[in-house]
């Protein structure tokens, strides 16, 4: 059971990194604003869960 959880998290992390790389290459985006926006969105989601 726990092994499936770890595999799922690893897949999610790899997909996130790959999709960020694709977005940076295809859409010619700036790295820092993209990461800061992602972090702000994640923080808002975590706060909403409280």
Protein backbone atom coordinates (compact mmCIF):
# COMPACT_ATOMS: atom_id res chain seq x y z
CA UNK A 1 0.00 0.00 0.00
CA UNK A 2 2.71 2.47 0.96
CA UNK A 3 4.79 1.48 -2.06
CA UNK A 4 1.98 2.53 -4.41
CA UNK A 5 1.82 5.88 -2.64
CA UNK A 6 5.55 6.46 -3.12
CA UNK A 7 5.38 5.44 -6.77
CA UNK A 8 2.46 7.79 -7.35
CA UNK A 9 4.32 10.68 -5.74
CA UNK A 10 7.44 9.96 -7.77
CA UNK A 11 5.43 9.91 -11.00
CA UNK A 12 3.75 13.17 -10.05
CA UNK A 13 7.11 14.81 -9.35
CA UNK A 14 8.63 13.60 -12.63
CA UNK A 15 5.60 14.75 -14.62
CA UNK A 16 5.70 18.15 -12.95
CA UNK A 17 9.36 18.65 -13.83
CA UNK A 18 8.83 17.45 -17.40
CA UNK A 19 5.82 19.69 -17.96
CA UNK A 20 7.66 22.71 -16.57
CA UNK A 21 10.52 21.99 -18.97
CA UNK A 22 8.11 21.66 -21.90
CA UNK A 23 6.36 24.90 -20.97
CA UNK A 24 9.66 26.77 -20.69
CA UNK A 25 10.86 25.53 -24.08
CA UNK A 26 7.65 25.71 -26.10
CA UNK A 27 6.24 28.96 -24.77
CA UNK A 28 9.51 30.83 -24.19
CA UNK A 29 8.58 31.71 -20.61
CA UNK A 30 10.69 33.24 -17.87
CA UNK A 31 11.67 30.71 -15.21
CA UNK A 32 11.36 32.77 -12.02
CA UNK A 33 7.81 34.14 -12.56
CA UNK A 34 6.64 30.67 -13.58
CA UNK A 35 8.03 29.02 -10.44
CA UNK A 36 6.81 31.82 -8.15
CA UNK A 37 3.30 31.59 -9.58
CA UNK A 38 3.34 27.82 -9.13
CA UNK A 39 4.49 28.20 -5.52
CA UNK A 40 1.81 30.80 -4.80
CA UNK A 41 -0.87 28.56 -6.28
CA UNK A 42 0.32 25.60 -4.23
CA UNK A 43 0.38 27.72 -1.05
CA UNK A 44 -3.18 28.95 -1.70
CA UNK A 45 -4.34 25.37 -2.24
CA UNK A 46 -2.71 24.23 1.02
CA UNK A 47 -4.28 27.13 2.93
CA UNK A 48 -7.69 26.29 1.49
CA UNK A 49 -7.37 22.77 2.86
CA UNK A 50 -7.08 24.06 6.45
